Amino acid sequence: MGRLIYLDNLRSFALLLGIVFHSAIVYAADIKYAIQTEERSQILSYFCYWIHSFRMPMFYMISGFFSTMVIEKKGTNFYWEGRFKRVLIPTIFGLIFLAPIQYFLMEKIKSPNVGLLEFLYLFFTKENFQHSHIWFLVDLFCFSMIFLLVHKWIHKITNWVQWKTSNRRTFFLLGFSFILVLLAHTQIGKGESYFGIFKLTFVYQFTFFLSGVFSFYGKDILILRPSSHLKTIANLLWAIIVSVLFMDFEIFDPLWIYFSYVNPWYRSFHIFLWVLSPFLWTMFFVSLFGFLGNKEGKLGSYIIDASLPIYLLHHPISLSYAYIVRDLQFSIWEKFLFHNVVVLCFSFLMYEFLIRRSKPLRFLFGLKIH
């Protein structure tokens, strides 16, 4: 199996879509966020729920797929070295230098006179330390280490004749993910965390990482197959229907309410939609990127390399902009438009003129050093 350009591009798309997500959520109704304007839009709220319904699960599914590919081709030592350089180093750097910015700005809103050093002294404690947008790298590194321990067992499972010959592997993975997330949800509240790792989110995202692993062995979900345009459109329609249902459930059945306080059948269906949506959208985007984004080019290669550093940079920039404009007298759509333009421009400029040309910064942001 050679390089799958469409999956590289799709992974970059999932990361960079977070820039729009984090700007939209500042102006979205029905969603709580670090910094928000008083005037908010229901349209942007639904837009955020839509992105939230598939973006990170799709990213983790692709990560699980590529993790398996690397171990199968290069071995565990090469994989561990790659995880150390590409994930652990930017995780540590991000947690120390980027994550605190979100919580400092939040504290400044409550206490305008708080000093940076005073805040940092309290922030880097077990009680107050949080991961901000770096949570996804923390989880990814943990997933990678767990996968190193269990990949041989998974390989044995995929060698079973029943698995190899089954044409219902996707339904099995969907059912497995749903049951695991449902069981976790009956025992864990959404806000429960361990050293900043949110337990329920961890289990939820890990099921998609594992789905990506099984997808590699089963050669399905993330693998391009001949498909009619009619089937792709049907998949899109189903994905839209499920997403709309999921949005309504998210608003009227918040997952932070414990399982024991809600209708168990209603909540179970909510969780099923939560799991189903990423599968449908991932299959649709695989088809779309297989058609539109499966060619190598200078721009595509540039974005693939730039996507992680830009994602790490954009969040502090986005929140800083939100902090500045939250009380300005502009329309919500003017603020949202300029928000995206400012964040994209600053993030790309910092990548191009600082990170890309500096070996130490390339190392800290998880890039290869030429």
Protein backbone atom coordinates (compact mmCIF):
# COMPACT_ATOMS: atom_id res chain seq x y z
CA MET A 1 0.00 0.00 0.00
CA GLY A 2 1.64 3.22 -1.18
CA ARG A 3 1.13 6.73 0.12
CA LEU A 4 -2.55 7.61 0.37
CA ILE A 5 -2.56 11.30 -0.55
CA TYR A 6 -6.30 11.69 -0.05
CA LEU A 7 -5.99 10.55 3.59
CA ASP A 8 -3.09 12.93 4.24
CA ASN A 9 -5.21 15.75 2.81
CA LEU A 10 -8.27 14.63 4.76
CA ARG A 11 -6.31 14.59 8.02
CA SER A 12 -5.08 18.14 7.31
CA PHE A 13 -8.66 19.17 6.48
CA ALA A 14 -9.85 17.81 9.84
CA LEU A 15 -7.21 19.85 11.67
CA LEU A 16 -7.66 23.09 9.74
CA LEU A 17 -11.44 22.87 10.01
CA GLY A 18 -10.82 23.46 13.71
CA ILE A 19 -9.82 27.05 12.90
CA VAL A 20 -13.31 27.82 11.59
CA PHE A 21 -14.87 25.82 14.42
CA HIS A 22 -13.05 27.77 17.12
CA SER A 23 -13.97 31.09 15.56
CA ALA A 24 -17.63 30.13 15.06
CA ILE A 25 -18.04 28.92 18.62
CA VAL A 26 -17.23 32.42 19.91
CA TYR A 27 -20.46 33.63 18.30
CA ALA A 28 -22.59 30.47 18.66
CA ALA A 29 -25.74 30.23 20.74
CA ASP A 30 -26.48 27.24 23.04
CA ILE A 31 -22.76 26.45 23.45
CA LYS A 32 -20.50 27.49 26.32
CA TYR A 33 -16.96 28.52 25.43
CA ALA A 34 -13.98 30.26 26.98
CA ILE A 35 -14.72 33.70 25.45
CA GLN A 36 -17.97 34.64 23.73
CA THR A 37 -19.77 37.75 22.52
CA GLU A 38 -23.12 38.79 23.93
CA GLU A 39 -24.80 38.63 20.53
CA ARG A 40 -24.81 35.05 19.24
CA SER A 41 -26.11 33.18 16.22
CA GLN A 42 -28.24 30.04 16.16
CA ILE A 43 -26.94 29.35 12.65
CA LEU A 44 -23.36 29.27 13.90
CA SER A 45 -24.48 27.07 16.76
CA TYR A 46 -25.75 24.43 14.33
CA PHE A 47 -22.63 24.89 12.24
CA CYS A 48 -20.48 24.12 15.30
CA TYR A 49 -22.56 21.06 16.20
CA TRP A 50 -22.14 19.79 12.66
CA ILE A 51 -18.34 20.11 12.72
CA HIS A 52 -18.21 18.74 16.25
CA SER A 53 -20.17 15.65 15.16
CA PHE A 54 -17.36 14.24 13.02
CA ARG A 55 -14.14 16.28 12.92
CA MET A 56 -12.01 14.82 15.72
CA PRO A 57 -13.34 11.24 15.44
CA MET A 58 -12.42 11.34 11.74
CA PHE A 59 -8.96 12.65 12.64
CA TYR A 60 -8.41 9.84 15.16
CA MET A 61 -9.70 7.21 12.75
CA ILE A 62 -7.12 8.32 10.18
CA SER A 63 -4.44 8.41 12.90
CA GLY A 64 -5.22 4.83 13.90
CA PHE A 65 -5.06 3.78 10.25
CA PHE A 66 -1.65 5.41 9.68
CA SER A 67 -0.34 4.13 13.03
CA THR A 68 -1.03 0.57 11.91
CA MET A 69 0.53 1.21 8.51
CA VAL A 70 3.75 2.53 10.09
CA ILE A 71 4.09 -0.39 12.50
CA GLU A 72 3.41 -2.94 9.76
CA LYS A 73 5.93 -1.35 7.39
CA LYS A 74 8.60 0.09 9.70
CA GLY A 75 8.25 -1.73 13.04
CA THR A 76 7.57 -0.62 16.60
CA ASN A 77 10.92 1.15 17.20
CA PHE A 78 10.39 3.43 14.20
CA TYR A 79 6.81 4.06 15.32
CA TRP A 80 7.84 4.96 18.87
CA GLU A 81 10.54 7.34 17.60
CA GLY A 82 7.99 9.00 15.33
CA ARG A 83 5.44 9.38 18.13
CA PHE A 84 8.12 10.88 20.35
CA LYS A 85 9.17 13.49 17.77
CA ARG A 86 5.85 14.16 16.05
CA VAL A 87 3.46 13.96 19.02
CA LEU A 88 5.12 14.01 22.45
CA ILE A 89 7.49 16.96 21.83
CA PRO A 90 4.76 19.31 20.44
CA THR A 91 2.46 18.10 23.25
CA ILE A 92 4.90 19.17 25.95
CA PHE A 93 5.68 22.43 24.17
CA GLY A 94 1.99 23.19 23.65
CA LEU A 95 1.00 22.42 27.24
CA ILE A 96 3.70 24.71 28.63
CA PHE A 97 3.57 27.67 26.23
CA LEU A 98 0.24 27.61 24.36
CA ALA A 99 -2.41 26.06 26.62
CA PRO A 100 -2.12 28.62 29.48
CA ILE A 101 -3.10 31.49 27.16
CA GLN A 102 -6.76 30.40 27.06
CA TYR A 103 -7.12 30.29 30.83
CA PHE A 104 -5.16 33.51 31.37
CA LEU A 105 -7.57 35.39 29.07
CA MET A 106 -10.54 33.82 30.87
CA GLU A 107 -9.10 34.95 34.19
CA LYS A 108 -8.47 38.45 32.80
CA ILE A 109 -12.18 38.79 32.02
CA LYS A 110 -13.05 37.95 35.63
CA SER A 111 -10.09 39.76 37.23
CA PRO A 112 -8.67 42.43 34.86
CA ASN A 113 -5.73 43.21 37.17
CA VAL A 114 -4.38 39.65 37.42
CA GLY A 115 -0.70 39.39 36.48
CA LEU A 116 0.74 36.77 34.18
CA LEU A 117 3.31 35.41 36.64
CA GLU A 118 0.72 35.29 39.41
CA PHE A 119 -1.62 33.36 37.13
CA LEU A 120 1.03 30.91 35.92
CA TYR A 121 2.09 30.13 39.49
CA LEU A 122 -1.45 28.96 40.26
CA PHE A 123 -2.14 27.40 36.84
CA PHE A 124 0.68 24.86 36.89
CA THR A 125 -0.77 22.93 39.81
CA LYS A 126 -2.59 19.61 39.86
CA GLU A 127 -5.87 21.32 40.78
CA ASN A 128 -5.84 24.02 38.07
CA PHE A 129 -3.80 22.65 35.17
CA GLN A 130 -5.80 22.06 31.95
CA HIS A 131 -4.90 21.14 28.39
CA SER A 132 -6.87 23.66 26.29
CA HIS A 133 -6.73 22.68 22.60
CA ILE A 134 -3.64 20.51 23.23
CA TRP A 135 -5.95 17.83 24.63
CA PHE A 136 -6.10 16.12 21.25
CA LEU A 137 -2.33 15.56 21.22
CA VAL A 138 -2.35 14.31 24.81
CA ASP A 139 -5.03 11.78 23.90
CA LEU A 140 -3.29 10.85 20.65
CA PHE A 141 -0.03 10.08 22.45
CA CYS A 142 -1.89 7.96 25.01
CA PHE A 143 -3.71 6.10 22.23
CA SER A 144 -0.39 5.47 20.50
CA MET A 145 1.17 3.99 23.62
CA ILE A 146 -1.86 1.76 24.27
CA PHE A 147 -1.75 0.64 20.65
CA LEU A 148 1.93 -0.32 21.02
CA LEU A 149 0.89 -2.67 23.82
CA VAL A 150 -2.06 -4.31 22.08
CA HIS A 151 -1.29 -4.17 18.34
CA LYS A 152 -0.17 -7.83 18.20
CA TRP A 153 -3.47 -8.96 19.75
CA ILE A 154 -5.43 -6.85 17.30
CA HIS A 155 -3.44 -8.36 14.44
CA LYS A 156 -4.41 -11.84 15.64
CA ILE A 157 -8.09 -10.87 15.77
CA THR A 158 -7.98 -9.60 12.21
CA ASN A 159 -6.54 -12.92 11.06
CA TRP A 160 -9.67 -14.78 12.08
CA VAL A 161 -11.41 -16.22 9.05
CA GLN A 162 -14.75 -14.81 10.21
CA TRP A 163 -13.29 -11.30 10.26
CA LYS A 164 -11.45 -11.60 6.96
CA THR A 165 -14.43 -12.96 5.05
CA SER A 166 -17.13 -10.81 6.65
CA ASN A 167 -18.68 -8.06 4.54
CA ARG A 168 -20.19 -6.44 7.64
CA ARG A 169 -16.99 -5.24 9.32
CA THR A 170 -18.14 -1.61 9.31
CA PHE A 171 -21.35 -2.57 11.15
CA PHE A 172 -19.28 -4.52 13.67
CA LEU A 173 -17.03 -1.50 14.32
CA LEU A 174 -20.06 0.77 14.64
CA GLY A 175 -21.69 -1.62 17.12
CA PHE A 176 -18.47 -2.09 19.09
CA SER A 177 -17.94 1.69 19.34
CA PHE A 178 -21.54 2.31 20.38
CA ILE A 179 -21.52 -0.35 23.12
CA LEU A 180 -18.17 0.79 24.52
CA VAL A 181 -19.19 4.47 24.59
CA LEU A 182 -22.61 3.64 26.04
CA LEU A 183 -21.08 1.55 28.84
CA ALA A 184 -18.57 4.30 29.60
CA HIS A 185 -21.34 6.88 29.65
CA THR A 186 -23.35 4.98 32.23
CA GLN A 187 -20.38 5.15 34.59
CA ILE A 188 -18.65 8.44 33.79
CA GLY A 189 -19.91 12.02 33.72
CA LYS A 190 -18.83 14.22 30.82
CA GLY A 191 -16.80 16.59 33.01
CA GLU A 192 -14.87 13.95 34.96
CA SER A 193 -11.14 14.16 34.28
CA TYR A 194 -7.82 12.69 35.34
CA PHE A 195 -4.83 15.07 35.15
CA GLY A 196 -6.73 17.09 32.56
CA ILE A 197 -7.75 14.07 30.45
CA PHE A 198 -11.54 13.95 30.18
CA LYS A 199 -12.46 10.33 30.71
CA LEU A 200 -15.58 10.07 28.56
CA THR A 201 -14.01 11.95 25.65
CA PHE A 202 -10.96 9.70 25.93
CA VAL A 203 -13.04 6.52 25.60
CA TYR A 204 -15.15 8.00 22.81
CA GLN A 205 -12.20 9.11 20.68
CA PHE A 206 -10.24 5.91 21.35
CA THR A 207 -13.02 3.85 19.77
CA PHE A 208 -12.43 5.74 16.52
CA PHE A 209 -8.67 5.31 16.75
CA LEU A 210 -9.31 1.56 17.04
CA SER A 211 -11.78 1.73 14.14
CA GLY A 212 -8.98 3.19 12.05
CA VAL A 213 -6.70 0.34 13.09
CA PHE A 214 -9.27 -2.27 12.06
CA SER A 215 -9.97 -0.33 8.88
CA PHE A 216 -6.34 -0.80 7.85
CA TYR A 217 -6.51 -4.56 8.30
CA GLY A 218 -9.98 -4.86 6.79
CA LYS A 219 -9.20 -2.52 3.87
CA ASP A 220 -12.51 -0.69 4.34
CA ILE A 221 -14.01 2.64 5.57
CA LEU A 222 -10.85 4.65 4.80
CA ILE A 223 -9.89 2.76 1.65
CA LEU A 224 -11.16 4.05 -1.69
CA ARG A 225 -13.42 1.66 -3.53
CA PRO A 226 -15.27 2.02 -6.83
CA SER A 227 -18.49 3.81 -5.99
CA SER A 228 -21.27 5.45 -7.97
CA HIS A 229 -22.09 9.13 -7.52
CA LEU A 230 -25.58 8.06 -6.47
CA LYS A 231 -24.18 6.03 -3.56
CA THR A 232 -21.99 8.96 -2.46
CA ILE A 233 -24.98 11.32 -2.56
CA ALA A 234 -27.07 8.83 -0.57
CA ASN A 235 -24.30 8.63 2.02
CA LEU A 236 -24.24 12.43 2.22
CA LEU A 237 -28.01 12.62 2.74
CA TRP A 238 -27.88 10.04 5.53
CA ALA A 239 -25.00 11.92 7.15
CA ILE A 240 -26.97 15.19 7.04
CA ILE A 241 -30.08 13.56 8.54
CA VAL A 242 -28.08 11.99 11.37
CA SER A 243 -26.24 15.27 12.04
CA VAL A 244 -29.47 17.27 12.27
CA LEU A 245 -30.91 14.73 14.71
CA PHE A 246 -27.68 14.77 16.70
CA MET A 247 -27.76 18.58 16.92
CA ASP A 248 -31.26 18.54 18.37
CA PHE A 249 -30.31 15.87 20.90
CA GLU A 250 -27.20 17.84 21.87
CA ILE A 251 -29.33 20.90 22.68
CA PHE A 252 -32.18 19.17 24.49
CA ASP A 253 -30.27 16.27 26.07
CA PRO A 254 -26.89 17.71 27.18
CA LEU A 255 -24.37 14.94 27.72
CA TRP A 256 -23.09 16.56 30.91
CA ILE A 257 -26.29 15.38 32.64
CA TYR A 258 -25.59 12.00 34.24
CA PHE A 259 -27.10 8.92 32.64
CA SER A 260 -29.11 8.11 35.78
CA TYR A 261 -31.02 11.42 35.51
CA VAL A 262 -32.25 11.05 31.92
CA ASN A 263 -34.47 8.76 29.91
CA PRO A 264 -32.12 5.80 29.22
CA TRP A 265 -33.63 5.03 25.79
CA TYR A 266 -33.50 8.67 24.73
CA ARG A 267 -29.89 8.99 25.92
CA SER A 268 -28.89 5.67 24.29
CA PHE A 269 -30.20 6.87 20.94
CA HIS A 270 -28.36 10.17 21.45
CA ILE A 271 -25.11 8.25 22.00
CA PHE A 272 -25.81 6.07 18.97
CA LEU A 273 -26.11 9.22 16.81
CA TRP A 274 -22.93 10.53 18.44
CA VAL A 275 -21.10 7.42 17.23
CA LEU A 276 -22.86 7.00 13.88
CA SER A 277 -22.30 10.53 12.57
CA PRO A 278 -18.47 10.28 12.32
CA PHE A 279 -18.69 6.99 10.43
CA LEU A 280 -21.07 8.45 7.84
CA TRP A 281 -19.21 11.73 7.39
CA THR A 282 -15.84 9.96 7.22
CA MET A 283 -17.04 7.65 4.47
CA PHE A 284 -18.46 10.61 2.57
CA PHE A 285 -15.29 12.70 2.87
CA VAL A 286 -13.13 9.72 1.90
CA SER A 287 -15.12 9.50 -1.34
CA LEU A 288 -14.94 13.27 -1.85
CA PHE A 289 -11.20 13.57 -1.19
CA GLY A 290 -10.53 10.46 -3.24
CA PHE A 291 -12.07 12.32 -6.15
CA LEU A 292 -10.83 15.88 -5.47
CA GLY A 293 -7.76 15.55 -3.25
CA ASN A 294 -5.79 12.51 -4.35
CA LYS A 295 -3.00 14.20 -6.31
CA GLU A 296 0.36 15.36 -5.06
CA GLY A 297 1.22 19.00 -5.55
CA LYS A 298 3.30 21.75 -3.96
CA LEU A 299 0.31 23.43 -2.31
CA GLY A 300 -1.06 20.15 -0.97
CA SER A 301 2.34 19.10 0.42
CA TYR A 302 2.75 22.53 2.00
CA ILE A 303 -0.62 22.34 3.76
CA ILE A 304 0.00 18.77 4.94
CA ASP A 305 3.25 19.88 6.61
CA ALA A 306 1.79 23.13 7.92
CA SER A 307 -1.50 21.82 9.33
CA LEU A 308 -0.28 20.73 12.78
CA PRO A 309 1.79 23.85 13.61
CA ILE A 310 -0.96 26.12 12.30
CA TYR A 311 -3.58 24.30 14.36
CA LEU A 312 -1.44 24.58 17.49
CA LEU A 313 -0.88 28.30 16.86
CA HIS A 314 -4.36 29.32 15.81
CA HIS A 315 -6.16 28.75 19.11
CA PRO A 316 -4.29 31.34 21.23
CA ILE A 317 -4.56 33.78 18.32
CA SER A 318 -8.28 33.07 17.97
CA LEU A 319 -8.97 33.59 21.67
CA SER A 320 -6.84 36.75 21.80
CA TYR A 321 -8.85 38.18 18.91
CA ALA A 322 -12.11 37.18 20.61
CA TYR A 323 -10.93 38.88 23.82
CA ILE A 324 -10.26 42.12 21.93
CA VAL A 325 -13.43 42.28 19.79
CA ARG A 326 -16.00 40.82 22.16
CA ASP A 327 -17.37 44.26 23.13
CA LEU A 328 -16.82 46.10 19.84
CA GLN A 329 -19.87 47.43 18.02
CA PHE A 330 -19.78 45.43 14.81
CA SER A 331 -22.33 42.95 13.48
CA ILE A 332 -21.83 39.34 14.45
CA TRP A 333 -21.13 38.33 10.84
CA GLU A 334 -18.51 41.06 10.41
CA LYS A 335 -16.79 39.87 13.57
CA PHE A 336 -16.97 36.24 12.44
CA LEU A 337 -15.61 37.01 8.96
CA PHE A 338 -12.70 39.11 10.19
CA HIS A 339 -12.05 36.60 12.95
CA ASN A 340 -11.33 33.87 10.39
CA VAL A 341 -9.27 36.17 8.15
CA VAL A 342 -7.12 37.46 11.04
CA VAL A 343 -6.52 34.03 12.57
CA LEU A 344 -5.70 32.36 9.26
CA CYS A 345 -3.34 35.15 8.18
CA PHE A 346 -1.46 35.36 11.48
CA SER A 347 -1.21 31.57 11.81
CA PHE A 348 0.12 31.04 8.28
CA LEU A 349 2.52 34.01 8.54
CA MET A 350 3.96 32.74 11.82
CA TYR A 351 4.37 29.28 10.32
CA GLU A 352 5.96 30.55 7.10
CA PHE A 353 8.39 33.09 8.56
CA LEU A 354 9.13 31.65 12.01
CA ILE A 355 8.50 27.93 12.32
CA ARG A 356 9.17 26.63 8.81
CA ARG A 357 12.59 28.29 8.60
CA SER A 358 13.82 27.48 12.11
CA LYS A 359 15.18 24.03 12.99
CA PRO A 360 14.52 24.38 16.76
CA LEU A 361 10.92 25.49 16.14
CA ARG A 362 10.36 22.76 13.55
CA PHE A 363 11.46 20.27 16.20
CA LEU A 364 9.17 21.76 18.87
CA PHE A 365 6.17 21.73 16.51
CA GLY A 366 6.70 18.12 15.44
CA LEU A 367 8.02 18.74 11.92
CA LYS A 368 10.80 16.89 10.14
CA ILE A 369 14.13 18.69 10.19
CA HIS A 370 15.63 18.84 6.71
